[in-house]
Amino acid sequence: AMISARGRWHWLLGAGLLFGAATLMRAQFLYFPAGVAVALWLMPQGATLRRAAVTGLLVYVGMAIAIAPLTLRNHAVFGEWIVVSTNGGVALRTGASEDATGDHLDWNAARWNAEGVPFERRVVDQVAADRIIKRNATDWIAANPVRWVALMPAKALSLWAKDTDAFWGLQGSHPQHATAIRLVAGANQAFY
């Protein structure tokens, strides 16, 4: 819709509502429309900078309409403005720690406690926990920038090799079909 909606603002708002719904499930979608707007601007015979910016803005207005109820709820519950979630620190730290491999890390009680967040308080104090873990991650990145950048190919490979449309869940629940699931996941990735 963002690409073909030229001048049709209602399609852009509709796309924003859909991106907003997607963001409620995966916070990473919050950034996707900005990337599409930049791509529209950079494409050969693409949009002018102004048109790309207006396109992105209209999509973000639609997203705000979809996301606002959760953001308002978060403010009422936590007393702070949390757009969608408080798991950004854990996501960042998973790829920015001495244990990082570019793959999944097990966030068990020992890991939470080592981060400075008592395991039994991780949900009740999730806003503070997110801040602490995010600070730990950014401190690690500042101290280990080369290693952090070196992990990026492994992170991308892990994302595309394992986390493809939830095939990882099938691999865990049906280990006897691991080869077939890997083949279907590979075909899925090749298609996209």
Protein backbone atom coordinates (compact mmCIF):
# COMPACT_ATOMS: atom_id res chain seq x y z
CA ALA A 1 0.00 0.00 0.00
CA MET A 2 2.86 2.40 0.76
CA ILE A 3 4.27 1.96 -2.72
CA SER A 4 1.07 2.00 -4.78
CA ALA A 5 -1.02 4.43 -2.73
CA ARG A 6 0.23 7.60 -4.46
CA GLY A 7 -2.08 10.38 -3.37
CA ARG A 8 -4.56 8.04 -1.69
CA TRP A 9 -4.15 8.98 1.94
CA HIS A 10 -6.81 6.53 3.18
CA TRP A 11 -4.74 3.60 1.87
CA LEU A 12 -1.71 4.92 3.74
CA LEU A 13 -3.68 5.25 6.97
CA GLY A 14 -4.99 1.72 6.40
CA ALA A 15 -1.45 0.47 5.89
CA GLY A 16 -0.55 2.22 9.13
CA LEU A 17 -3.35 0.44 10.97
CA LEU A 18 -2.02 -2.89 9.67
CA PHE A 19 1.57 -2.03 10.57
CA GLY A 20 0.28 -0.93 13.98
CA ALA A 21 -1.45 -4.29 14.51
CA ALA A 22 1.76 -6.04 13.45
CA THR A 23 3.74 -3.86 15.87
CA LEU A 24 1.52 -4.99 18.73
CA MET A 25 2.78 -8.51 18.01
CA ARG A 26 6.37 -7.71 16.97
CA ALA A 27 7.72 -4.36 18.14
CA GLN A 28 10.31 -4.37 15.33
CA PHE A 29 7.57 -3.42 12.84
CA LEU A 30 7.64 0.06 14.39
CA TYR A 31 10.65 0.86 12.19
CA PHE A 32 9.55 -0.79 8.94
CA PRO A 33 7.54 2.12 7.44
CA ALA A 34 10.52 4.46 7.85
CA GLY A 35 12.63 2.00 5.85
CA VAL A 36 9.98 1.80 3.14
CA ALA A 37 9.73 5.62 2.98
CA VAL A 38 13.50 5.88 2.55
CA ALA A 39 13.40 3.16 -0.12
CA LEU A 40 10.63 5.06 -1.96
CA TRP A 41 12.83 8.13 -1.99
CA LEU A 42 15.98 6.26 -3.11
CA MET A 43 14.33 4.19 -5.86
CA PRO A 44 15.06 5.18 -9.45
CA GLN A 45 12.17 7.43 -10.47
CA GLY A 46 11.04 7.23 -6.87
CA ALA A 47 9.19 9.71 -4.76
CA THR A 48 10.52 13.13 -3.91
CA LEU A 49 11.84 13.51 -0.40
CA ARG A 50 8.68 15.41 0.55
CA ARG A 51 6.34 12.74 -0.85
CA ALA A 52 8.31 9.95 0.85
CA ALA A 53 8.18 11.86 4.16
CA VAL A 54 4.42 12.49 3.87
CA THR A 55 3.88 8.83 2.98
CA GLY A 56 5.80 7.72 6.05
CA LEU A 57 4.03 10.27 8.24
CA LEU A 58 0.55 9.12 7.15
CA VAL A 59 1.47 5.50 7.79
CA TYR A 60 2.78 6.42 11.23
CA VAL A 61 -0.48 8.27 12.00
CA GLY A 62 -2.35 5.03 11.25
CA MET A 63 0.11 3.11 13.39
CA ALA A 64 -0.37 5.56 16.26
CA ILE A 65 -4.12 5.01 16.15
CA ALA A 66 -3.62 1.24 16.44
CA ILE A 67 -0.86 1.39 19.08
CA ALA A 68 -2.21 4.24 21.26
CA PRO A 69 -4.53 2.10 23.41
CA LEU A 70 -1.62 -0.14 24.48
CA THR A 71 0.69 2.84 25.04
CA LEU A 72 -1.94 4.54 27.21
CA ARG A 73 -2.49 1.30 29.12
CA ASN A 74 1.27 0.97 29.67
CA HIS A 75 1.38 4.50 31.05
CA ALA A 76 -1.53 3.80 33.38
CA VAL A 77 0.04 0.56 34.65
CA PHE A 78 3.74 1.50 34.75
CA GLY A 79 3.58 5.27 35.15
CA GLU A 80 5.94 5.69 32.18
CA TRP A 81 5.53 6.09 28.44
CA ILE A 82 6.26 2.66 26.96
CA VAL A 83 5.21 2.59 23.32
CA VAL A 84 4.80 -1.18 23.00
CA SER A 85 7.01 -3.36 25.17
CA THR A 86 9.75 -3.56 27.77
CA ASN A 87 11.77 -6.36 26.17
CA GLY A 88 14.16 -4.16 24.20
CA GLY A 89 16.89 -4.54 26.80
CA VAL A 90 16.72 -8.34 26.74
CA ALA A 91 16.68 -8.37 22.94
CA LEU A 92 19.72 -6.07 22.77
CA ARG A 93 21.61 -7.91 25.51
CA THR A 94 21.03 -11.28 23.81
CA GLY A 95 23.26 -10.01 21.00
CA ALA A 96 25.56 -7.87 23.13
CA SER A 97 27.15 -9.82 25.95
CA GLU A 98 30.18 -11.97 26.68
CA ASP A 99 27.96 -15.02 26.02
CA ALA A 100 26.55 -13.76 22.72
CA THR A 101 26.99 -16.08 19.75
CA GLY A 102 24.47 -14.51 17.40
CA ASP A 103 21.93 -17.14 18.43
CA HIS A 104 19.43 -17.50 21.26
CA LEU A 105 20.47 -17.08 24.90
CA ASP A 106 18.66 -18.85 27.70
CA TRP A 107 17.28 -16.18 30.04
CA ASN A 108 17.10 -18.35 33.14
CA ALA A 109 17.22 -17.25 36.79
CA ALA A 110 21.03 -17.23 36.87
CA ARG A 111 21.23 -14.88 33.85
CA TRP A 112 18.65 -12.45 35.26
CA ASN A 113 20.43 -12.37 38.61
CA ALA A 114 23.83 -11.88 36.91
CA GLU A 115 22.38 -8.88 35.04
CA GLY A 116 21.45 -7.29 38.38
CA VAL A 117 17.75 -8.08 38.15
CA PRO A 118 16.40 -10.53 40.74
CA PHE A 119 14.66 -13.30 38.81
CA GLU A 120 11.53 -13.15 40.96
CA ARG A 121 11.21 -9.36 40.28
CA ARG A 122 11.74 -9.44 36.49
CA VAL A 123 8.01 -9.06 35.69
CA VAL A 124 6.91 -6.81 38.55
CA ASP A 125 9.86 -4.46 37.95
CA GLN A 126 10.02 -4.90 34.18
CA VAL A 127 10.56 -1.22 33.37
CA ALA A 128 13.54 -0.96 35.72
CA ALA A 129 14.77 -4.39 34.55
CA ASP A 130 14.64 -3.23 30.92
CA ARG A 131 16.70 -0.13 31.77
CA ILE A 132 19.32 -2.13 33.68
CA ILE A 133 19.71 -4.76 30.97
CA LYS A 134 19.76 -2.15 28.19
CA ARG A 135 22.49 -0.26 30.06
CA ASN A 136 24.48 -3.50 30.48
CA ALA A 137 24.16 -4.15 26.74
CA THR A 138 25.20 -0.65 25.66
CA ASP A 139 28.13 -0.72 28.10
CA TRP A 140 29.24 -4.04 26.59
CA ILE A 141 28.90 -2.66 23.04
CA ALA A 142 30.99 0.38 23.98
CA ALA A 143 33.67 -1.88 25.45
CA ASN A 144 33.54 -4.48 22.62
CA PRO A 145 32.54 -2.71 19.38
CA VAL A 146 34.57 -4.97 17.09
CA ARG A 147 33.15 -8.16 18.57
CA TRP A 148 29.63 -6.71 18.43
CA VAL A 149 29.97 -5.90 14.73
CA ALA A 150 31.60 -9.31 14.11
CA LEU A 151 28.50 -11.01 15.58
CA MET A 152 26.18 -9.35 13.04
CA PRO A 153 26.56 -11.98 10.27
CA ALA A 154 25.85 -14.76 12.77
CA LYS A 155 22.77 -12.87 14.00
CA ALA A 156 21.47 -12.42 10.45
CA LEU A 157 22.11 -16.08 9.63
CA SER A 158 20.39 -17.19 12.83
CA LEU A 159 17.40 -15.01 12.04
CA TRP A 160 17.03 -16.31 8.50
CA ALA A 161 18.04 -19.90 9.14
CA LYS A 162 15.98 -20.57 12.25
CA ASP A 163 13.31 -17.98 12.91
CA THR A 164 11.42 -18.34 9.65
CA ASP A 165 7.69 -18.00 10.09
CA ALA A 166 7.83 -19.94 13.37
CA PHE A 167 9.38 -23.08 11.88
CA TRP A 168 11.57 -23.16 14.98
CA GLY A 169 8.46 -24.07 16.98
CA LEU A 170 7.77 -27.00 14.70
CA GLN A 171 11.36 -28.18 14.99
CA GLY A 172 11.01 -28.29 18.77
CA SER A 173 7.63 -30.02 18.83
CA HIS A 174 8.31 -32.48 15.99
CA PRO A 175 12.01 -33.43 16.13
CA GLN A 176 11.31 -36.60 14.16
CA HIS A 177 10.54 -34.40 11.12
CA ALA A 178 13.55 -32.07 11.49
CA THR A 179 14.88 -32.69 7.97
CA ALA A 180 11.52 -32.09 6.29
CA ILE A 181 10.92 -28.97 8.38
CA ARG A 182 14.38 -27.61 7.45
CA LEU A 183 13.65 -28.22 3.76
CA VAL A 184 10.30 -26.42 3.95
CA ALA A 185 11.87 -23.55 5.92
CA GLY A 186 14.64 -23.30 3.30
CA ALA A 187 12.07 -23.20 0.49
CA ASN A 188 10.17 -20.54 2.42
CA GLN A 189 13.32 -18.41 2.73
CA ALA A 190 14.21 -18.91 -0.93
CA PHE A 191 10.72 -17.78 -1.91
CA TYR A 192 11.04 -14.58 0.09
